[in-house]
Every structure is written in structure tokens, then in C-alpha cells.
C-alpha atoms as a PDB file:
ATOM      1  CA  MET A   1       0.000   0.000   0.000  1.00  0.00           C
ATOM      2  CA  ARG A   2       1.189   3.496  -0.868  1.00  0.00           C
ATOM      3  CA  ILE A   3       0.386   6.973   0.300  1.00  0.00           C
ATOM      4  CA  ALA A   4      -0.065   9.253  -2.710  1.00  0.00           C
ATOM      5  CA  ILE A   5      -0.227  13.034  -2.574  1.00  0.00           C
ATOM      6  CA  ASP A   6      -1.393  15.738  -4.972  1.00  0.00           C
ATOM      7  CA  LEU A   7      -0.121  19.032  -3.580  1.00  0.00           C
ATOM      8  CA  GLY A   8      -1.298  22.219  -5.256  1.00  0.00           C
ATOM      9  CA  GLY A   9      -1.773  25.877  -4.584  1.00  0.00           C
ATOM     10  CA  THR A  10      -5.525  25.390  -4.144  1.00  0.00           C
ATOM     11  CA  ASN A  11      -5.946  21.987  -2.513  1.00  0.00           C
ATOM     12  CA  VAL A  12      -3.860  19.205  -1.059  1.00  0.00           C
ATOM     13  CA  ARG A  13      -5.143  15.650  -1.401  1.00  0.00           C
ATOM     14  CA  VAL A  14      -3.604  12.670   0.362  1.00  0.00           C
ATOM     15  CA  ALA A  15      -4.778   9.094  -0.191  1.00  0.00           C
ATOM     16  CA  THR A  16      -3.943   5.499   0.477  1.00  0.00           C
ATOM     17  CA  VAL A  17      -3.727   3.553  -2.787  1.00  0.00           C
ATOM     18  CA  LEU A  18      -4.006  -0.215  -2.842  1.00  0.00           C
ATOM     19  CA  SER A  19      -3.108  -2.581  -5.671  1.00  0.00           C
ATOM     20  CA  GLU A  20      -4.334  -1.965  -9.228  1.00  0.00           C
ATOM     21  CA  GLY A  21      -5.403   1.601  -8.584  1.00  0.00           C
ATOM     22  CA  ARG A  22      -7.901   0.959  -5.815  1.00  0.00           C
ATOM     23  CA  PHE A  23      -8.289   3.721  -3.237  1.00  0.00           C
ATOM     24  CA  GLY A  24      -8.462   3.356   0.505  1.00  0.00           C
ATOM     25  CA  ARG A  25      -9.057   6.661   2.286  1.00  0.00           C
ATOM     26  CA  ILE A  26      -8.793  10.064   0.590  1.00  0.00           C
ATOM     27  CA  LEU A  27      -8.269  13.269   2.560  1.00  0.00           C
ATOM     28  CA  SER A  28      -8.634  16.677   0.939  1.00  0.00           C
ATOM     29  CA  GLU A  29      -8.493  20.233   2.231  1.00  0.00           C
ATOM     30  CA  PRO A  30      -7.516  23.700   1.028  1.00  0.00           C
ATOM     31  CA  SER A  31      -3.748  24.048   0.991  1.00  0.00           C
ATOM     32  CA  LEU A  32      -2.047  26.641   3.161  1.00  0.00           C
ATOM     33  CA  ALA A  33      -0.650  28.174   0.005  1.00  0.00           C
ATOM     34  CA  CYS A  34       0.110  31.559   1.555  1.00  0.00           C
ATOM     35  CA  GLY A  35       1.790  30.059   4.609  1.00  0.00           C
ATOM     36  CA  SER A  36       5.465  29.742   5.332  1.00  0.00           C
ATOM     37  CA  GLU A  37       7.478  26.805   4.052  1.00  0.00           C
ATOM     38  CA  GLN A  38       7.191  25.121   7.446  1.00  0.00           C
ATOM     39  CA  GLU A  39       3.447  25.743   7.739  1.00  0.00           C
ATOM     40  CA  VAL A  40       2.817  24.002   4.422  1.00  0.00           C
ATOM     41  CA  LEU A  41       5.039  21.124   5.510  1.00  0.00           C
ATOM     42  CA  GLU A  42       3.193  20.792   8.814  1.00  0.00           C
ATOM     43  CA  GLN A  43      -0.120  20.556   6.964  1.00  0.00           C
ATOM     44  CA  LEU A  44       1.339  17.800   4.811  1.00  0.00           C
ATOM     45  CA  TYR A  45       2.708  15.942   7.840  1.00  0.00           C
ATOM     46  CA  ARG A  46      -0.654  16.132   9.611  1.00  0.00           C
ATOM     47  CA  LEU A  47      -2.511  14.591   6.688  1.00  0.00           C
ATOM     48  CA  ILE A  48       0.074  11.856   6.188  1.00  0.00           C
ATOM     49  CA  ASP A  49       0.093  11.098   9.927  1.00  0.00           C
ATOM     50  CA  ASP A  50      -3.646  10.454   9.705  1.00  0.00           C
ATOM     51  CA  LEU A  51      -3.136   7.768   7.036  1.00  0.00           C
ATOM     52  CA  ILE A  52       0.225   6.185   7.798  1.00  0.00           C
ATOM     53  CA  THR A  53       0.185   2.541   8.936  1.00  0.00           C
ATOM     54  CA  PRO A  54       2.819  -0.221   9.053  1.00  0.00           C
ATOM     55  CA  GLU A  55       1.412  -1.523   5.741  1.00  0.00           C
ATOM     56  CA  VAL A  56       2.461   1.636   3.855  1.00  0.00           C
ATOM     57  CA  ASP A  57       5.707   0.909   1.983  1.00  0.00           C
ATOM     58  CA  GLY A  58       6.187   4.142   0.063  1.00  0.00           C
ATOM     59  CA  ILE A  59       5.055   7.725  -0.472  1.00  0.00           C
ATOM     60  CA  GLY A  60       4.653   9.364  -3.876  1.00  0.00           C
ATOM     61  CA  ILE A  61       3.940  13.061  -4.313  1.00  0.00           C
ATOM     62  CA  GLY A  62       3.136  15.277  -7.270  1.00  0.00           C
ATOM     63  CA  VAL A  63       3.919  18.997  -7.052  1.00  0.00           C
ATOM     64  CA  PRO A  64       3.359  21.801  -9.625  1.00  0.00           C
ATOM     65  CA  SER A  65       6.997  22.761  -9.965  1.00  0.00           C
ATOM     66  CA  VAL A  66      10.354  22.053 -11.492  1.00  0.00           C
ATOM     67  CA  VAL A  67      11.573  18.891  -9.777  1.00  0.00           C
ATOM     68  CA  ASP A  68      14.937  17.220  -9.301  1.00  0.00           C
ATOM     69  CA  THR A  69      13.404  13.739  -9.395  1.00  0.00           C
ATOM     70  CA  GLU A  70      16.601  11.956  -8.362  1.00  0.00           C
ATOM     71  CA  ARG A  71      17.075  13.978  -5.175  1.00  0.00           C
ATOM     72  CA  GLY A  72      13.413  14.812  -4.635  1.00  0.00           C
ATOM     73  CA  ILE A  73      13.899  18.583  -4.519  1.00  0.00           C
ATOM     74  CA  VAL A  74      11.101  20.918  -5.654  1.00  0.00           C
ATOM     75  CA  TYR A  75      11.788  24.441  -6.871  1.00  0.00           C
ATOM     76  CA  ASN A  76       9.495  27.488  -7.143  1.00  0.00           C
ATOM     77  CA  VAL A  77       6.216  25.663  -6.571  1.00  0.00           C
ATOM     78  CA  VAL A  78       3.368  27.263  -8.516  1.00  0.00           C
ATOM     79  CA  GLY A  79       0.770  28.706  -6.145  1.00  0.00           C
ATOM     80  CA  ILE A  80       2.901  28.222  -3.004  1.00  0.00           C
ATOM     81  CA  PRO A  81       5.256  31.225  -2.958  1.00  0.00           C
ATOM     82  CA  SER A  82       7.223  30.160   0.122  1.00  0.00           C
ATOM     83  CA  TRP A  83       8.391  26.925  -1.498  1.00  0.00           C
ATOM     84  CA  LYS A  84      11.455  28.150  -3.383  1.00  0.00           C
ATOM     85  CA  GLU A  85      13.649  25.096  -2.765  1.00  0.00           C
ATOM     86  CA  VAL A  86      12.300  22.291  -0.620  1.00  0.00           C
ATOM     87  CA  HIS A  87      14.181  19.016  -0.148  1.00  0.00           C
ATOM     88  CA  LEU A  88      10.914  17.137   0.088  1.00  0.00           C
ATOM     89  CA  LYS A  89      12.213  13.593  -0.333  1.00  0.00           C
ATOM     90  CA  ASP A  90      14.798  13.976   2.444  1.00  0.00           C
ATOM     91  CA  LEU A  91      12.293  15.600   4.805  1.00  0.00           C
ATOM     92  CA  LEU A  92       9.618  12.934   4.355  1.00  0.00           C
ATOM     93  CA  GLU A  93      12.047  10.011   4.468  1.00  0.00           C
ATOM     94  CA  ALA A  94      13.600  11.327   7.671  1.00  0.00           C
ATOM     95  CA  ARG A  95      10.161  11.547   9.278  1.00  0.00           C
ATOM     96  CA  TYR A  96       8.536   8.324   8.028  1.00  0.00           C
ATOM     97  CA  HIS A  97      11.518   6.033   7.274  1.00  0.00           C
ATOM     98  CA  ILE A  98      10.072   4.671   4.016  1.00  0.00           C
ATOM     99  CA  PRO A  99      10.972   5.422   0.370  1.00  0.00           C
ATOM    100  CA  VAL A 100       9.644   8.698  -1.053  1.00  0.00           C
ATOM    101  CA  ALA A 101       9.454   9.755  -4.719  1.00  0.00           C
ATOM    102  CA  VAL A 102       8.629  13.254  -5.990  1.00  0.00           C
ATOM    103  CA  ASP A 103       7.653  14.409  -9.477  1.00  0.00           C
ATOM    104  CA  ASN A 104       5.873  17.164 -11.358  1.00  0.00           C
ATOM    105  CA  ASP A 105       2.093  16.932 -10.904  1.00  0.00           C
ATOM    106  CA  CYS A 106       1.355  16.708 -14.631  1.00  0.00           C
ATOM    107  CA  ASN A 107       3.816  13.830 -14.914  1.00  0.00           C
ATOM    108  CA  CYS A 108       1.841  12.087 -12.177  1.00  0.00           C
ATOM    109  CA  PHE A 109      -1.366  12.733 -14.129  1.00  0.00           C
ATOM    110  CA  ALA A 110       0.223  11.173 -17.221  1.00  0.00           C
ATOM    111  CA  LEU A 111       1.356   8.085 -15.306  1.00  0.00           C
ATOM    112  CA  GLY A 112      -2.084   7.580 -13.792  1.00  0.00           C
ATOM    113  CA  VAL A 113      -4.185   8.175 -16.883  1.00  0.00           C
ATOM    114  CA  THR A 114      -2.050   6.105 -19.283  1.00  0.00           C
ATOM    115  CA  ARG A 115      -1.967   3.177 -16.844  1.00  0.00           C
ATOM    116  CA  PHE A 116      -5.558   3.184 -15.558  1.00  0.00           C
ATOM    117  CA  GLY A 117      -7.577   5.358 -17.944  1.00  0.00           C
ATOM    118  CA  LYS A 118      -9.889   4.583 -20.861  1.00  0.00           C
ATOM    119  CA  ASP A 119      -8.607   1.759 -23.090  1.00  0.00           C
ATOM    120  CA  GLY A 120      -5.270   1.835 -21.236  1.00  0.00           C
ATOM    121  CA  PRO A 121      -2.554   1.138 -20.652  1.00  0.00           C
ATOM    122  CA  TYR A 122      -1.074   3.384 -23.350  1.00  0.00           C
ATOM    123  CA  LYS A 123       2.559   3.084 -24.380  1.00  0.00           C
ATOM    124  CA  GLU A 124       2.636   6.367 -26.340  1.00  0.00           C
ATOM    125  CA  ALA A 125       0.618   9.475 -25.445  1.00  0.00           C
ATOM    126  CA  PHE A 126       0.743  13.190 -24.839  1.00  0.00           C
ATOM    127  CA  CYS A 127      -1.169  14.222 -21.712  1.00  0.00           C
ATOM    128  CA  ALA A 128      -2.287  17.785 -21.041  1.00  0.00           C
ATOM    129  CA  THR A 129      -3.971  19.253 -17.966  1.00  0.00           C
ATOM    130  CA  LEU A 130      -6.242  22.285 -18.295  1.00  0.00           C
ATOM    131  CA  GLY A 131      -6.931  24.025 -15.019  1.00  0.00           C
ATOM    132  CA  THR A 132      -5.336  26.907 -13.156  1.00  0.00           C
ATOM    133  CA  GLY A 133      -2.560  26.541 -15.729  1.00  0.00           C
ATOM    134  CA  VAL A 134      -1.690  24.252 -18.635  1.00  0.00           C
ATOM    135  CA  GLY A 135       0.600  21.298 -18.034  1.00  0.00           C
ATOM    136  CA  GLY A 136       1.921  18.714 -20.451  1.00  0.00           C
ATOM    137  CA  SER A 137       3.717  15.375 -20.251  1.00  0.00           C
ATOM    138  CA  LEU A 138       4.998  12.940 -22.844  1.00  0.00           C
ATOM    139  CA  VAL A 139       4.859   9.154 -22.446  1.00  0.00           C
ATOM    140  CA  VAL A 140       7.176   7.196 -24.745  1.00  0.00           C
ATOM    141  CA  ASP A 141       7.336   3.395 -24.787  1.00  0.00           C
ATOM    142  CA  GLY A 142       5.384   3.272 -21.546  1.00  0.00           C
ATOM    143  CA  HIS A 143       7.741   5.624 -19.710  1.00  0.00           C
ATOM    144  CA  LEU A 144       7.681   9.331 -18.965  1.00  0.00           C
ATOM    145  CA  TYR A 145      10.094  11.491 -20.870  1.00  0.00           C
ATOM    146  CA  ARG A 146      10.868  14.053 -18.174  1.00  0.00           C
ATOM    147  CA  GLY A 147      13.785  16.049 -19.525  1.00  0.00           C
ATOM    148  CA  ARG A 148      16.577  17.310 -17.296  1.00  0.00           C
ATOM    149  CA  ASN A 149      14.332  19.180 -14.822  1.00  0.00           C
ATOM    150  CA  ALA A 150      11.108  17.138 -15.108  1.00  0.00           C
ATOM    151  CA  GLY A 151       9.824  19.920 -17.350  1.00  0.00           C
ATOM    152  CA  ALA A 152       9.615  18.248 -20.771  1.00  0.00           C
ATOM    153  CA  GLY A 153       6.284  18.848 -22.452  1.00  0.00           C
ATOM    154  CA  GLU A 154       5.509  22.081 -20.577  1.00  0.00           C
ATOM    155  CA  ILE A 155       3.547  23.486 -23.476  1.00  0.00           C
ATOM    156  CA  GLY A 156       1.720  26.193 -21.534  1.00  0.00           C
ATOM    157  CA  SER A 157       4.684  28.553 -21.506  1.00  0.00           C
ATOM    158  CA  ILE A 158       5.209  28.503 -25.281  1.00  0.00           C
ATOM    159  CA  PRO A 159       4.434  31.948 -26.758  1.00  0.00           C
ATOM    160  CA  TYR A 160       1.064  32.256 -28.474  1.00  0.00           C
ATOM    161  CA  LEU A 161      -0.572  35.405 -29.848  1.00  0.00           C
ATOM    162  CA  ASP A 162       0.277  38.248 -27.444  1.00  0.00           C
ATOM    163  CA  ARG A 163       0.963  35.997 -24.443  1.00  0.00           C
ATOM    164  CA  ASP A 164       1.303  32.211 -24.178  1.00  0.00           C
ATOM    165  CA  TYR A 165      -0.838  29.100 -24.509  1.00  0.00           C
ATOM    166  CA  GLU A 166      -1.482  28.989 -20.775  1.00  0.00           C
ATOM    167  CA  TYR A 167      -3.213  32.354 -20.865  1.00  0.00           C
ATOM    168  CA  TYR A 168      -5.619  31.236 -23.594  1.00  0.00           C
ATOM    169  CA  CYS A 169      -6.139  27.574 -22.630  1.00  0.00           C
ATOM    170  CA  SER A 170      -6.502  27.667 -18.839  1.00  0.00           C
ATOM    171  CA  SER A 171      -8.707  29.322 -16.229  1.00  0.00           C
ATOM    172  CA  ARG A 172      -6.840  32.556 -16.961  1.00  0.00           C
ATOM    173  CA  PHE A 173      -8.738  32.808 -20.244  1.00  0.00           C
ATOM    174  CA  PHE A 174     -12.085  32.845 -18.427  1.00  0.00           C
ATOM    175  CA  VAL A 175     -10.842  35.263 -15.770  1.00  0.00           C
ATOM    176  CA  GLY A 176      -9.844  37.584 -18.605  1.00  0.00           C
ATOM    177  CA  LYS A 177     -13.479  37.470 -19.729  1.00  0.00           C
ATOM    178  CA  GLY A 178     -14.661  38.463 -16.256  1.00  0.00           C
ATOM    179  CA  THR A 179     -15.906  35.003 -15.287  1.00  0.00           C
ATOM    180  CA  THR A 180     -14.676  31.515 -14.332  1.00  0.00           C
ATOM    181  CA  GLY A 181     -14.493  28.271 -16.236  1.00  0.00           C
ATOM    182  CA  LYS A 182     -17.044  26.658 -13.939  1.00  0.00           C
ATOM    183  CA  ASP A 183     -19.565  29.497 -14.227  1.00  0.00           C
ATOM    184  CA  THR A 184     -19.130  29.642 -17.985  1.00  0.00           C
ATOM    185  CA  ALA A 185     -19.667  25.889 -18.314  1.00  0.00           C
ATOM    186  CA  ILE A 186     -22.853  26.007 -16.244  1.00  0.00           C
ATOM    187  CA  ALA A 187     -24.226  28.933 -18.227  1.00  0.00           C
ATOM    188  CA  ALA A 188     -23.224  27.408 -21.583  1.00  0.00           C
ATOM    189  CA  ALA A 189     -24.870  24.103 -20.677  1.00  0.00           C
ATOM    190  CA  GLY A 190     -28.043  26.109 -20.054  1.00  0.00           C
ATOM    191  CA  GLY A 191     -27.852  27.696 -23.505  1.00  0.00           C
ATOM    192  CA  ASP A 192     -26.615  31.170 -22.527  1.00  0.00           C
ATOM    193  CA  PRO A 193     -25.416  32.813 -25.788  1.00  0.00           C
ATOM    194  CA  GLU A 194     -22.570  34.783 -24.200  1.00  0.00           C
ATOM    195  CA  ALA A 195     -21.222  31.717 -22.394  1.00  0.00           C
ATOM    196  CA  LEU A 196     -21.504  29.623 -25.553  1.00  0.00           C
ATOM    197  CA  ALA A 197     -19.513  32.259 -27.438  1.00  0.00           C
ATOM    198  CA  ILE A 198     -16.772  32.156 -24.784  1.00  0.00           C
ATOM    199  CA  MET A 199     -16.608  28.366 -25.039  1.00  0.00           C
ATOM    200  CA  GLU A 200     -16.475  28.659 -28.825  1.00  0.00           C
ATOM    201  CA  GLU A 201     -13.468  30.966 -28.593  1.00  0.00           C
ATOM    202  CA  PHE A 202     -11.799  28.782 -25.971  1.00  0.00           C
ATOM    203  CA  GLY A 203     -12.218  25.711 -28.179  1.00  0.00           C
ATOM    204  CA  GLY A 204     -10.516  27.532 -31.026  1.00  0.00           C
ATOM    205  CA  HIS A 205      -7.493  28.385 -28.898  1.00  0.00           C
ATOM    206  CA  LEU A 206      -7.326  24.810 -27.635  1.00  0.00           C
ATOM    207  CA  GLY A 207      -7.415  23.585 -31.232  1.00  0.00           C
ATOM    208  CA  ARG A 208      -4.298  25.689 -31.920  1.00  0.00           C
ATOM    209  CA  LEU A 209      -2.654  24.143 -28.861  1.00  0.00           C
ATOM    210  CA  VAL A 210      -3.433  20.653 -30.172  1.00  0.00           C
ATOM    211  CA  GLN A 211      -1.983  21.576 -33.559  1.00  0.00           C
ATOM    212  CA  MET A 212       1.217  22.662 -31.858  1.00  0.00           C
ATOM    213  CA  ILE A 213       1.379  19.359 -29.958  1.00  0.00           C
ATOM    214  CA  MET A 214       0.925  17.502 -33.248  1.00  0.00           C
ATOM    215  CA  TYR A 215       3.737  19.437 -34.887  1.00  0.00           C
ATOM    216  CA  ALA A 216       6.100  18.881 -31.967  1.00  0.00           C
ATOM    217  CA  TYR A 217       5.315  15.288 -30.958  1.00  0.00           C
ATOM    218  CA  ASP A 218       3.001  13.670 -33.557  1.00  0.00           C
ATOM    219  CA  PRO A 219       1.294  11.582 -30.851  1.00  0.00           C
ATOM    220  CA  ALA A 220      -1.181   8.797 -31.545  1.00  0.00           C
ATOM    221  CA  VAL A 221      -3.154   9.803 -28.448  1.00  0.00           C
ATOM    222  CA  ILE A 222      -3.756  13.116 -26.659  1.00  0.00           C
ATOM    223  CA  ILE A 223      -5.440  12.834 -23.271  1.00  0.00           C
ATOM    224  CA  LEU A 224      -6.892  15.924 -21.607  1.00  0.00           C
ATOM    225  CA  GLY A 225      -7.498  16.311 -17.879  1.00  0.00           C
ATOM    226  CA  GLY A 226      -7.927  18.985 -15.259  1.00  0.00           C
ATOM    227  CA  SER A 227     -10.984  20.894 -14.106  1.00  0.00           C
ATOM    228  CA  ILE A 228     -11.697  22.590 -17.443  1.00  0.00           C
ATOM    229  CA  ALA A 229     -11.588  19.295 -19.329  1.00  0.00           C
ATOM    230  CA  LYS A 230     -14.762  18.291 -17.464  1.00  0.00           C
ATOM    231  CA  ALA A 231     -16.593  20.691 -19.807  1.00  0.00           C
ATOM    232  CA  PHE A 232     -15.111  18.961 -22.882  1.00  0.00           C
ATOM    233  CA  SER A 233     -18.437  18.570 -24.698  1.00  0.00           C
ATOM    234  CA  LEU A 234     -18.944  22.346 -24.630  1.00  0.00           C
ATOM    235  CA  PHE A 235     -15.771  23.173 -26.570  1.00  0.00           C
ATOM    236  CA  GLU A 236     -15.094  19.913 -28.430  1.00  0.00           C
ATOM    237  CA  GLU A 237     -16.710  20.948 -31.720  1.00  0.00           C
ATOM    238  CA  PRO A 238     -14.906  24.300 -32.203  1.00  0.00           C
ATOM    239  CA  MET A 239     -11.657  22.641 -31.077  1.00  0.00           C
ATOM    240  CA  TRP A 240     -11.949  19.975 -33.788  1.00  0.00           C
ATOM    241  CA  ARG A 241     -12.822  22.551 -36.456  1.00  0.00           C
ATOM    242  CA  VAL A 242      -9.452  24.179 -35.857  1.00  0.00           C
ATOM    243  CA  ILE A 243      -7.581  20.865 -35.549  1.00  0.00           C
ATOM    244  CA  LYS A 244      -8.907  19.878 -38.983  1.00  0.00           C
ATOM    245  CA  GLU A 245      -7.064  22.871 -40.462  1.00  0.00           C
ATOM    246  CA  PHE A 246      -3.838  20.963 -39.764  1.00  0.00           C
ATOM    247  CA  PRO A 247      -2.036  20.612 -43.117  1.00  0.00           C
ATOM    248  CA  TYR A 248      -1.652  16.816 -42.870  1.00  0.00           C
ATOM    249  CA  PRO A 249      -5.143  15.271 -42.960  1.00  0.00           C
ATOM    250  CA  LYS A 250      -3.902  11.731 -42.295  1.00  0.00           C
ATOM    251  CA  SER A 251      -2.416  12.871 -38.982  1.00  0.00           C
ATOM    252  CA  VAL A 252      -5.800  14.282 -37.976  1.00  0.00           C
ATOM    253  CA  GLU A 253      -7.579  11.110 -39.087  1.00  0.00           C
ATOM    254  CA  ASN A 254      -5.233   8.962 -36.964  1.00  0.00           C
ATOM    255  CA  LEU A 255      -5.418  11.142 -33.862  1.00  0.00           C
ATOM    256  CA  ASP A 256      -7.248   9.821 -30.803  1.00  0.00           C
ATOM    257  CA  LEU A 257      -8.104  12.749 -28.528  1.00  0.00           C
ATOM    258  CA  PHE A 258     -10.367  12.612 -25.482  1.00  0.00           C
ATOM    259  CA  ALA A 259     -10.914  14.018 -21.999  1.00  0.00           C
ATOM    260  CA  THR A 260     -10.385  11.431 -19.301  1.00  0.00           C
ATOM    261  CA  ASP A 261     -13.181  10.507 -16.913  1.00  0.00           C
ATOM    262  CA  LEU A 262     -10.764   8.755 -14.545  1.00  0.00           C
ATOM    263  CA  ASP A 263     -11.115   9.887 -10.937  1.00  0.00           C
ATOM    264  CA  ASN A 264      -7.962  11.282  -9.299  1.00  0.00           C
ATOM    265  CA  PRO A 265      -5.454  10.265 -12.004  1.00  0.00           C
ATOM    266  CA  GLY A 266      -2.740  12.458 -10.451  1.00  0.00           C
ATOM    267  CA  ILE A 267      -2.991  10.603  -7.153  1.00  0.00           C
ATOM    268  CA  LEU A 268      -2.892   7.242  -8.932  1.00  0.00           C
ATOM    269  CA  GLY A 269       0.183   8.366 -10.834  1.00  0.00           C
ATOM    270  CA  ALA A 270       1.898   9.557  -7.652  1.00  0.00           C
ATOM    271  CA  ALA A 271       1.365   6.100  -6.184  1.00  0.00           C
ATOM    272  CA  LEU A 272       3.230   4.608  -9.154  1.00  0.00           C
ATOM    273  CA  LEU A 273       6.315   6.763  -8.584  1.00  0.00           C
ATOM    274  CA  CYS A 274       7.682   4.384  -5.951  1.00  0.00           C
ATOM    275  CA  GLY A 275       7.914   1.509  -8.421  1.00  0.00           C
END
């Protein structure tokens, strides 16, 4: 049994994960994102303490940051300003005396969704998360390609129009329209014309993001996740209209693209980090 953790600037979720992706207990609460480094650590310790038992043989944790995966150090964690350089693996191993593995949160999502998601496992896939930001991870031959700093596939920061893809393909896009992704989805599902127009525009930007992924990686499968992906049906059509402008029709015809319905894929992926 593993303890798996999804630590973010909004929430922290800690779970026990049994064999074959089965969950035991799941704890979730708002993260102390504005707290000091030690305050965030103490919150993490408290949640782990509530779940730790002699049967737990490892801890895996996903964090939205650049990660030294070998040494388990996280740098400049998105949404947690006090976490500039935290030696997370050493701290947790010293406290709990079991192996600890740390990785980027989108990498954990990719591990979980390609192993346990629809029609999985997948040996080749590009996985993108659409939420507070835009994350991306590449799975090749059943393994993550992380790059030197666990940052390979970070497509959100690539320049696009006057900003970057993250601005136009994450919650920031909706904030720029004076709303939120959740409120827009609810209104669009009810037929509100203004909300439908916002979703139409969002789908177009996402289509450009998918085109860029196709140019860079030519994946057989693109899997979307994150909070915004839950509204997939509301922007799927305009997204595909733009994707079909891709100059190589056979690539479009061969592309399998979907939004996962797997619950807590990031936590499942974190549980796989320990081997």
C-alpha cells in the first residue's frame, strides 16, 4: 500500500492507494498556500500522519513545480510562494523512514491516466492538464520522458498570440473574460449565448494548442485532464474545427483525442512513482 499526494496551490489531497489503482481513504483540504514553508510542511505531515500505517511501503507526491526527481527537490512551486527550494524527499524520508518519490504533478497525471484510464494502458501518449494553468507530459514506450528538470512537455509557456498558450487555454482565459471556467460551463450548458460564445473561442485556442502538440510530438493519443476538461463537450466541436485545419489530414484522421473521466489520475500516478 502506498500513500499518494497531490499538492497544489488550491488543494492538497492525500490518499492510500491499494493494488491496481484501488483507493483506501482520501483526505482533501484547502492548501495553506500563503503560509510559510514550514506551515505548508506541517499541513502535509498532519494529513500523512492520519493515514500512515505499518502496511504503507512508500510515499509518492506530485507537485506543480520544477523537480529534481533523483534527489526529490522541488523548486518554485506554482501557487505556493514560500516553497522556493524544498528538499521534500529527504524531509519525508527522515520523518517516516520509508521510500519517497517526488515528481511534477502533470507527470503524475500522465502516469495515472495512461496506466488506468480509458482503453489503457497506453505506451505512447501526450497528456495535457487544463486548469489553473496548462501542463503537459509525454509518455514514450510506456515511460515518462521528463527532460533534465522534469519539465519536458511544458507546453503552456510557449508563446502564443500576445501571451502564451497557458493564458488562452486555462482558467486565466475565463478570468480575462470576467468570469470563471465553472460558471461559464454552467451557463453554456443552459444555452446562454454569451457563455456559448466564450466556449467557442476557448475551443478555437485549444485547437491551436493541439496543432502545436501535433507538430512537436506527432502523438497517436492526446489525453486531456484537469478541471476545465470536465466541460469537454462544450468546446469539443470548435476545437476539432481548428484541428482539422492541420495541413496533414492523415495525422488528424489517426489522432485519438479525449478528456479522461478517470477519478484522481494524479494521485494514482503519484502512487506509481515508488515503483
